[in-house]
Amino acid sequence: MTPVAWHDDPAEFDRTLEGELPPEVRAEREAEMAADPALKARADARRRFLDGLAAVSYTHLRAHETYLLISYAVFCLKRGGGGGG
């Protein structure tokens, strides 16, 4: 099996961006990113994506269910004999 470059492995790429590596490895990878404009652009885009993520509660997710999904759950799923009501 051919070894995968660190920047082609999503987990390794994120470890590099999040600073979870020894300083000498991080410095080497930062230098590689600085020398390759496409790799730098990819790293910048990934950082922006990771910065925009936030954990939300199950209740928050349920609050965004649409009327259609709720109607389906109430009317269609109950026909299958799921009990209740």
PDB file of N, CA and C in Angstrom:
ATOM      1  N   MET A   1       0.838  -1.178   0.000  1.00  0.00           N
ATOM      2  CA  MET A   1       0.000   0.000   0.000  1.00  0.00           C
ATOM      3  C   MET A   1       0.888   1.248   0.000  1.00  0.00           C
ATOM      4  N   THR A   2       0.553   2.189  -0.837  1.00  0.00           N
ATOM      5  CA  THR A   2       1.330   3.417  -0.945  1.00  0.00           C
ATOM      6  C   THR A   2       1.038   4.321   0.245  1.00  0.00           C
ATOM      7  N   PRO A   3       2.093   4.842   0.895  1.00  0.00           N
ATOM      8  CA  PRO A   3       1.834   5.756   2.017  1.00  0.00           C
ATOM      9  C   PRO A   3       1.131   7.028   1.534  1.00  0.00           C
ATOM     10  N   VAL A   4       0.241   7.512   2.355  1.00  0.00           N
ATOM     11  CA  VAL A   4      -0.527   8.709   2.019  1.00  0.00           C
ATOM     12  C   VAL A   4       0.203   9.931   2.568  1.00  0.00           C
ATOM     13  N   ALA A   5       0.291  10.982   1.746  1.00  0.00           N
ATOM     14  CA  ALA A   5       0.909  12.227   2.210  1.00  0.00           C
ATOM     15  C   ALA A   5       0.045  12.817   3.319  1.00  0.00           C
ATOM     16  N   TRP A   6       0.679  13.481   4.269  1.00  0.00           N
ATOM     17  CA  TRP A   6      -0.069  14.022   5.415  1.00  0.00           C
ATOM     18  C   TRP A   6      -1.209  14.919   4.987  1.00  0.00           C
ATOM     19  N   HIS A   7      -1.031  15.676   3.888  1.00  0.00           N
ATOM     20  CA  HIS A   7      -2.086  16.617   3.483  1.00  0.00           C
ATOM     21  C   HIS A   7      -3.201  15.936   2.703  1.00  0.00           C
ATOM     22  N   ASP A   8      -3.060  14.646   2.392  1.00  0.00           N
ATOM     23  CA  ASP A   8      -4.140  13.898   1.747  1.00  0.00           C
ATOM     24  C   ASP A   8      -4.947  13.073   2.748  1.00  0.00           C
ATOM     25  N   ASP A   9      -4.521  13.081   3.990  1.00  0.00           N
ATOM     26  CA  ASP A   9      -5.227  12.370   5.051  1.00  0.00           C
ATOM     27  C   ASP A   9      -5.981  13.419   5.876  1.00  0.00           C
ATOM     28  N   PRO A  10      -7.326  13.426   5.808  1.00  0.00           N
ATOM     29  CA  PRO A  10      -8.092  14.478   6.499  1.00  0.00           C
ATOM     30  C   PRO A  10      -7.790  14.598   7.996  1.00  0.00           C
ATOM     31  N   ALA A  11      -7.620  13.476   8.677  1.00  0.00           N
ATOM     32  CA  ALA A  11      -7.348  13.529  10.121  1.00  0.00           C
ATOM     33  C   ALA A  11      -5.985  14.167  10.393  1.00  0.00           C
ATOM     34  N   GLU A  12      -4.985  13.795   9.598  1.00  0.00           N
ATOM     35  CA  GLU A  12      -3.644  14.365   9.775  1.00  0.00           C
ATOM     36  C   GLU A  12      -3.655  15.846   9.422  1.00  0.00           C
ATOM     37  N   PHE A  13      -4.394  16.196   8.381  1.00  0.00           N
ATOM     38  CA  PHE A  13      -4.486  17.597   7.963  1.00  0.00           C
ATOM     39  C   PHE A  13      -5.061  18.440   9.101  1.00  0.00           C
ATOM     40  N   ASP A  14      -6.136  17.953   9.721  1.00  0.00           N
ATOM     41  CA  ASP A  14      -6.751  18.688  10.829  1.00  0.00           C
ATOM     42  C   ASP A  14      -5.825  18.753  12.038  1.00  0.00           C
ATOM     43  N   ARG A  15      -5.102  17.663  12.315  1.00  0.00           N
ATOM     44  CA  ARG A  15      -4.147  17.679  13.439  1.00  0.00           C
ATOM     45  C   ARG A  15      -3.087  18.756  13.210  1.00  0.00           C
ATOM     46  N   THR A  16      -2.672  18.919  11.963  1.00  0.00           N
ATOM     47  CA  THR A  16      -1.682  19.944  11.639  1.00  0.00           C
ATOM     48  C   THR A  16      -2.245  21.337  11.880  1.00  0.00           C
ATOM     49  N   LEU A  17      -3.465  21.574  11.415  1.00  0.00           N
ATOM     50  CA  LEU A  17      -4.077  22.897  11.552  1.00  0.00           C
ATOM     51  C   LEU A  17      -4.404  23.231  13.000  1.00  0.00           C
ATOM     52  N   GLU A  18      -4.739  22.219  13.788  1.00  0.00           N
ATOM     53  CA  GLU A  18      -5.130  22.452  15.173  1.00  0.00           C
ATOM     54  C   GLU A  18      -3.941  22.478  16.127  1.00  0.00           C
ATOM     55  N   GLY A  19      -2.736  22.267  15.613  1.00  0.00           N
ATOM     56  CA  GLY A  19      -1.553  22.355  16.451  1.00  0.00           C
ATOM     57  C   GLY A  19      -1.353  21.178  17.383  1.00  0.00           C
ATOM     58  N   GLU A  20      -1.835  20.006  17.013  1.00  0.00           N
ATOM     59  CA  GLU A  20      -1.721  18.831  17.871  1.00  0.00           C
ATOM     60  C   GLU A  20      -0.440  18.034  17.606  1.00  0.00           C
ATOM     61  N   LEU A  21       0.527  18.637  16.969  1.00  0.00           N
ATOM     62  CA  LEU A  21       1.753  17.941  16.611  1.00  0.00           C
ATOM     63  C   LEU A  21       2.947  18.547  17.324  1.00  0.00           C
ATOM     64  N   PRO A  22       4.042  17.784  17.402  1.00  0.00           N
ATOM     65  CA  PRO A  22       5.265  18.372  17.973  1.00  0.00           C
ATOM     66  C   PRO A  22       5.675  19.610  17.171  1.00  0.00           C
ATOM     67  N   PRO A  23       6.288  20.586  17.825  1.00  0.00           N
ATOM     68  CA  PRO A  23       6.637  21.845  17.145  1.00  0.00           C
ATOM     69  C   PRO A  23       7.474  21.675  15.884  1.00  0.00           C
ATOM     70  N   GLU A  24       8.429  20.737  15.887  1.00  0.00           N
ATOM     71  CA  GLU A  24       9.282  20.567  14.703  1.00  0.00           C
ATOM     72  C   GLU A  24       8.498  20.014  13.508  1.00  0.00           C
ATOM     73  N   VAL A  25       7.544  19.118  13.763  1.00  0.00           N
ATOM     74  CA  VAL A  25       6.716  18.574  12.682  1.00  0.00           C
ATOM     75  C   VAL A  25       5.788  19.667  12.163  1.00  0.00           C
ATOM     76  N   ARG A  26       5.203  20.408  13.069  1.00  0.00           N
ATOM     77  CA  ARG A  26       4.298  21.500  12.669  1.00  0.00           C
ATOM     78  C   ARG A  26       5.048  22.541  11.835  1.00  0.00           C
ATOM     79  N   ALA A  27       6.248  22.903  12.250  1.00  0.00           N
ATOM     80  CA  ALA A  27       7.039  23.897  11.512  1.00  0.00           C
ATOM     81  C   ALA A  27       7.348  23.400  10.103  1.00  0.00           C
ATOM     82  N   GLU A  28       7.668  22.128   9.983  1.00  0.00           N
ATOM     83  CA  GLU A  28       7.971  21.544   8.670  1.00  0.00           C
ATOM     84  C   GLU A  28       6.742  21.592   7.766  1.00  0.00           C
ATOM     85  N   ARG A  29       5.597  21.250   8.327  1.00  0.00           N
ATOM     86  CA  ARG A  29       4.364  21.249   7.531  1.00  0.00           C
ATOM     87  C   ARG A  29       3.912  22.675   7.194  1.00  0.00           C
ATOM     88  N   GLU A  30       4.096  23.605   8.108  1.00  0.00           N
ATOM     89  CA  GLU A  30       3.758  25.018   7.830  1.00  0.00           C
ATOM     90  C   GLU A  30       4.629  25.541   6.690  1.00  0.00           C
ATOM     91  N   ALA A  31       5.914  25.161   6.682  1.00  0.00           N
ATOM     92  CA  ALA A  31       6.813  25.584   5.605  1.00  0.00           C
ATOM     93  C   ALA A  31       6.359  24.991   4.279  1.00  0.00           C
ATOM     94  N   GLU A  32       5.931  23.746   4.303  1.00  0.00           N
ATOM     95  CA  GLU A  32       5.439  23.109   3.083  1.00  0.00           C
ATOM     96  C   GLU A  32       4.179  23.815   2.580  1.00  0.00           C
ATOM     97  N   MET A  33       3.290  24.201   3.492  1.00  0.00           N
ATOM     98  CA  MET A  33       2.073  24.916   3.094  1.00  0.00           C
ATOM     99  C   MET A  33       2.406  26.296   2.530  1.00  0.00           C
ATOM    100  N   ALA A  34       3.400  26.962   3.127  1.00  0.00           N
ATOM    101  CA  ALA A  34       3.785  28.295   2.649  1.00  0.00           C
ATOM    102  C   ALA A  34       4.380  28.228   1.243  1.00  0.00           C
ATOM    103  N   ALA A  35       5.049  27.116   0.910  1.00  0.00           N
ATOM    104  CA  ALA A  35       5.696  26.976  -0.399  1.00  0.00           C
ATOM    105  C   ALA A  35       4.718  26.565  -1.499  1.00  0.00           C
ATOM    106  N   ASP A  36       3.578  26.019  -1.131  1.00  0.00           N
ATOM    107  CA  ASP A  36       2.610  25.530  -2.107  1.00  0.00           C
ATOM    108  C   ASP A  36       1.315  26.341  -1.987  1.00  0.00           C
ATOM    109  N   PRO A  37       1.070  27.255  -2.929  1.00  0.00           N
ATOM    110  CA  PRO A  37      -0.126  28.117  -2.843  1.00  0.00           C
ATOM    111  C   PRO A  37      -1.446  27.337  -2.791  1.00  0.00           C
ATOM    112  N   ALA A  38      -1.544  26.231  -3.519  1.00  0.00           N
ATOM    113  CA  ALA A  38      -2.783  25.452  -3.512  1.00  0.00           C
ATOM    114  C   ALA A  38      -3.001  24.808  -2.145  1.00  0.00           C
ATOM    115  N   LEU A  39      -1.940  24.322  -1.551  1.00  0.00           N
ATOM    116  CA  LEU A  39      -2.036  23.709  -0.234  1.00  0.00           C
ATOM    117  C   LEU A  39      -2.374  24.760   0.823  1.00  0.00           C
ATOM    118  N   LYS A  40      -1.798  25.944   0.682  1.00  0.00           N
ATOM    119  CA  LYS A  40      -2.092  27.035   1.614  1.00  0.00           C
ATOM    120  C   LYS A  40      -3.561  27.453   1.495  1.00  0.00           C
ATOM    121  N   ALA A  41      -4.057  27.549   0.276  1.00  0.00           N
ATOM    122  CA  ALA A  41      -5.467  27.917   0.066  1.00  0.00           C
ATOM    123  C   ALA A  41      -6.389  26.858   0.670  1.00  0.00           C
ATOM    124  N   ARG A  42      -6.023  25.596   0.507  1.00  0.00           N
ATOM    125  CA  ARG A  42      -6.833  24.512   1.078  1.00  0.00           C
ATOM    126  C   ARG A  42      -6.826  24.579   2.607  1.00  0.00           C
ATOM    127  N   ALA A  43      -5.656  24.855   3.176  1.00  0.00           N
ATOM    128  CA  ALA A  43      -5.548  24.963   4.635  1.00  0.00           C
ATOM    129  C   ALA A  43      -6.367  26.144   5.148  1.00  0.00           C
ATOM    130  N   ASP A  44      -6.301  27.268   4.449  1.00  0.00           N
ATOM    131  CA  ASP A  44      -7.068  28.455   4.857  1.00  0.00           C
ATOM    132  C   ASP A  44      -8.574  28.186   4.802  1.00  0.00           C
ATOM    133  N   ALA A  45      -9.011  27.500   3.744  1.00  0.00           N
ATOM    134  CA  ALA A  45     -10.433  27.176   3.603  1.00  0.00           C
ATOM    135  C   ALA A  45     -10.869  26.222   4.718  1.00  0.00           C
ATOM    136  N   ARG A  46     -10.025  25.254   5.024  1.00  0.00           N
ATOM    137  CA  ARG A  46     -10.366  24.298   6.086  1.00  0.00           C
ATOM    138  C   ARG A  46     -10.427  24.992   7.441  1.00  0.00           C
ATOM    139  N   ARG A  47      -9.519  25.934   7.696  1.00  0.00           N
ATOM    140  CA  ARG A  47      -9.539  26.689   8.954  1.00  0.00           C
ATOM    141  C   ARG A  47     -10.827  27.493   9.084  1.00  0.00           C
ATOM    142  N   ARG A  48     -11.214  28.157   7.998  1.00  0.00           N
ATOM    143  CA  ARG A  48     -12.463  28.935   8.022  1.00  0.00           C
ATOM    144  C   ARG A  48     -13.653  28.024   8.280  1.00  0.00           C
ATOM    145  N   PHE A  49     -13.653  26.852   7.658  1.00  0.00           N
ATOM    146  CA  PHE A  49     -14.737  25.896   7.867  1.00  0.00           C
ATOM    147  C   PHE A  49     -14.776  25.449   9.327  1.00  0.00           C
ATOM    148  N   LEU A  50     -13.634  25.068   9.881  1.00  0.00           N
ATOM    149  CA  LEU A  50     -13.591  24.592  11.261  1.00  0.00           C
ATOM    150  C   LEU A  50     -13.963  25.692  12.249  1.00  0.00           C
ATOM    151  N   ASP A  51     -13.580  26.925  11.954  1.00  0.00           N
ATOM    152  CA  ASP A  51     -13.931  28.039  12.833  1.00  0.00           C
ATOM    153  C   ASP A  51     -15.430  28.315  12.844  1.00  0.00           C
ATOM    154  N   GLY A  52     -16.101  27.978  11.759  1.00  0.00           N
ATOM    155  CA  GLY A  52     -17.527  28.247  11.654  1.00  0.00           C
ATOM    156  C   GLY A  52     -18.407  27.183  12.288  1.00  0.00           C
ATOM    157  N   LEU A  53     -17.816  26.079  12.693  1.00  0.00           N
ATOM    158  CA  LEU A  53     -18.609  25.001  13.286  1.00  0.00           C
ATOM    159  C   LEU A  53     -18.851  25.254  14.765  1.00  0.00           C
ATOM    160  N   ALA A  54     -20.026  24.895  15.203  1.00  0.00           N
ATOM    161  CA  ALA A  54     -20.348  25.008  16.628  1.00  0.00           C
ATOM    162  C   ALA A  54     -21.283  23.858  17.004  1.00  0.00           C
ATOM    163  N   ALA A  55     -21.102  23.351  18.182  1.00  0.00           N
ATOM    164  CA  ALA A  55     -21.969  22.274  18.661  1.00  0.00           C
ATOM    165  C   ALA A  55     -23.333  22.858  19.038  1.00  0.00           C
ATOM    166  N   VAL A  56     -24.371  22.097  18.715  1.00  0.00           N
ATOM    167  CA  VAL A  56     -25.722  22.508  19.100  1.00  0.00           C
ATOM    168  C   VAL A  56     -26.405  21.340  19.792  1.00  0.00           C
ATOM    169  N   SER A  57     -27.397  21.641  20.579  1.00  0.00           N
ATOM    170  CA  SER A  57     -28.101  20.610  21.327  1.00  0.00           C
ATOM    171  C   SER A  57     -29.134  19.909  20.440  1.00  0.00           C
ATOM    172  N   TYR A  58     -29.554  18.743  20.895  1.00  0.00           N
ATOM    173  CA  TYR A  58     -30.603  18.000  20.209  1.00  0.00           C
ATOM    174  C   TYR A  58     -31.887  18.831  20.142  1.00  0.00           C
ATOM    175  N   THR A  59     -32.189  19.540  21.220  1.00  0.00           N
ATOM    176  CA  THR A  59     -33.377  20.390  21.264  1.00  0.00           C
ATOM    177  C   THR A  59     -33.304  21.473  20.195  1.00  0.00           C
ATOM    178  N   HIS A  60     -32.118  22.041  20.007  1.00  0.00           N
ATOM    179  CA  HIS A  60     -31.931  23.068  18.978  1.00  0.00           C
ATOM    180  C   HIS A  60     -32.204  22.472  17.595  1.00  0.00           C
ATOM    181  N   LEU A  61     -31.697  21.270  17.357  1.00  0.00           N
ATOM    182  CA  LEU A  61     -31.938  20.631  16.057  1.00  0.00           C
ATOM    183  C   LEU A  61     -33.423  20.358  15.849  1.00  0.00           C
ATOM    184  N   ARG A  62     -34.093  19.874  16.872  1.00  0.00           N
ATOM    185  CA  ARG A  62     -35.518  19.592  16.765  1.00  0.00           C
ATOM    186  C   ARG A  62     -36.320  20.863  16.504  1.00  0.00           C
ATOM    187  N   ALA A  63     -35.864  21.986  17.013  1.00  0.00           N
ATOM    188  CA  ALA A  63     -36.567  23.253  16.820  1.00  0.00           C
ATOM    189  C   ALA A  63     -36.591  23.666  15.351  1.00  0.00           C
ATOM    190  N   HIS A  64     -35.674  23.107  14.552  1.00  0.00           N
ATOM    191  CA  HIS A  64     -35.596  23.475  13.135  1.00  0.00           C
ATOM    192  C   HIS A  64     -36.270  22.459  12.222  1.00  0.00           C
ATOM    193  N   GLU A  65     -36.955  21.484  12.798  1.00  0.00           N
ATOM    194  CA  GLU A  65     -37.684  20.535  11.960  1.00  0.00           C
ATOM    195  C   GLU A  65     -38.809  21.278  11.235  1.00  0.00           C
ATOM    196  N   THR A  66     -39.032  20.883  10.026  1.00  0.00           N
ATOM    197  CA  THR A  66     -40.072  21.558   9.247  1.00  0.00           C
ATOM    198  C   THR A  66     -41.446  20.973   9.557  1.00  0.00           C
ATOM    199  N   TYR A  67     -42.449  21.713   9.200  1.00  0.00           N
ATOM    200  CA  TYR A  67     -43.839  21.284   9.369  1.00  0.00           C
ATOM    201  C   TYR A  67     -44.062  19.959   8.636  1.00  0.00           C
ATOM    202  N   LEU A  68     -43.465  19.818   7.462  1.00  0.00           N
ATOM    203  CA  LEU A  68     -43.630  18.608   6.669  1.00  0.00           C
ATOM    204  C   LEU A  68     -43.075  17.388   7.401  1.00  0.00           C
ATOM    205  N   LEU A  69     -41.903  17.513   7.995  1.00  0.00           N
ATOM    206  CA  LEU A  69     -41.317  16.394   8.737  1.00  0.00           C
ATOM    207  C   LEU A  69     -42.161  16.023   9.951  1.00  0.00           C
ATOM    208  N   ILE A  70     -42.641  17.013  10.635  1.00  0.00           N
ATOM    209  CA  ILE A  70     -43.467  16.756  11.819  1.00  0.00           C
ATOM    210  C   ILE A  70     -44.770  16.081  11.394  1.00  0.00           C
ATOM    211  N   SER A  71     -45.397  16.563  10.316  1.00  0.00           N
ATOM    212  CA  SER A  71     -46.638  15.962   9.814  1.00  0.00           C
ATOM    213  C   SER A  71     -46.413  14.508   9.422  1.00  0.00           C
ATOM    214  N   TYR A  72     -45.311  14.238   8.772  1.00  0.00           N
ATOM    215  CA  TYR A  72     -44.987  12.867   8.371  1.00  0.00           C
ATOM    216  C   TYR A  72     -44.869  11.979   9.607  1.00  0.00           C
ATOM    217  N   ALA A  73     -44.166  12.458  10.610  1.00  0.00           N
ATOM    218  CA  ALA A  73     -43.974  11.673  11.837  1.00  0.00           C
ATOM    219  C   ALA A  73     -45.299  11.388  12.516  1.00  0.00           C
ATOM    220  N   VAL A  74     -46.179  12.358  12.543  1.00  0.00           N
ATOM    221  CA  VAL A  74     -47.450  12.198  13.252  1.00  0.00           C
ATOM    222  C   VAL A  74     -48.423  11.322  12.470  1.00  0.00           C
ATOM    223  N   PHE A  75     -48.595  11.591  11.185  1.00  0.00           N
ATOM    224  CA  PHE A  75     -49.636  10.915  10.425  1.00  0.00           C
ATOM    225  C   PHE A  75     -49.188   9.617   9.757  1.00  0.00           C
ATOM    226  N   CYS A  76     -48.024   9.586   9.175  1.00  0.00           N
ATOM    227  CA  CYS A  76     -47.592   8.406   8.424  1.00  0.00           C
ATOM    228  C   CYS A  76     -47.011   7.320   9.312  1.00  0.00           C
ATOM    229  N   LEU A  77     -46.195   7.680  10.245  1.00  0.00           N
ATOM    230  CA  LEU A  77     -45.545   6.675  11.071  1.00  0.00           C
ATOM    231  C   LEU A  77     -46.513   6.008  12.034  1.00  0.00           C
ATOM    232  N   LYS A  78     -47.519   6.729  12.483  1.00  0.00           N
ATOM    233  CA  LYS A  78     -48.474   6.145  13.424  1.00  0.00           C
ATOM    234  C   LYS A  78     -49.338   5.087  12.751  1.00  0.00           C
ATOM    235  N   ARG A  79     -49.512   5.137  11.448  1.00  0.00           N
ATOM    236  CA  ARG A  79     -50.313   4.136  10.744  1.00  0.00           C
ATOM    237  C   ARG A  79     -49.707   2.740  10.873  1.00  0.00           C
ATOM    238  N   GLY A  80     -48.440   2.671  11.116  1.00  0.00           N
ATOM    239  CA  GLY A  80     -47.757   1.393  11.197  1.00  0.00           C
ATOM    240  C   GLY A  80     -47.984   0.683  12.511  1.00  0.00           C
ATOM    241  N   GLY A  81     -48.823   1.204  13.350  1.00  0.00           N
ATOM    242  CA  GLY A  81     -49.112   0.563  14.621  1.00  0.00           C
ATOM    243  C   GLY A  81     -48.079   0.836  15.685  1.00  0.00           C
ATOM    244  N   GLY A  82     -47.474   2.010  15.614  1.00  0.00           N
ATOM    245  CA  GLY A  82     -46.434   2.360  16.583  1.00  0.00           C
ATOM    246  C   GLY A  82     -46.980   2.641  17.973  1.00  0.00           C
ATOM    247  N   GLY A  83     -48.257   2.601  18.136  1.00  0.00           N
ATOM    248  CA  GLY A  83     -48.860   2.832  19.436  1.00  0.00           C
ATOM    249  C   GLY A  83     -49.037   4.310  19.720  1.00  0.00           C
ATOM    250  N   GLY A  84     -49.584   4.611  20.834  1.00  0.00           N
ATOM    251  CA  GLY A  84     -49.791   6.002  21.236  1.00  0.00           C
ATOM    252  C   GLY A  84     -50.879   6.674  20.418  1.00  0.00           C
ATOM    253  N   GLY A  85     -51.868   7.202  21.054  1.00  0.00           N
ATOM    254  CA  GLY A  85     -52.899   7.994  20.420  1.00  0.00           C
ATOM    255  C   GLY A  85     -53.710   7.259  19.485  1.00  0.00           C
TER     256      GLY A  85
END
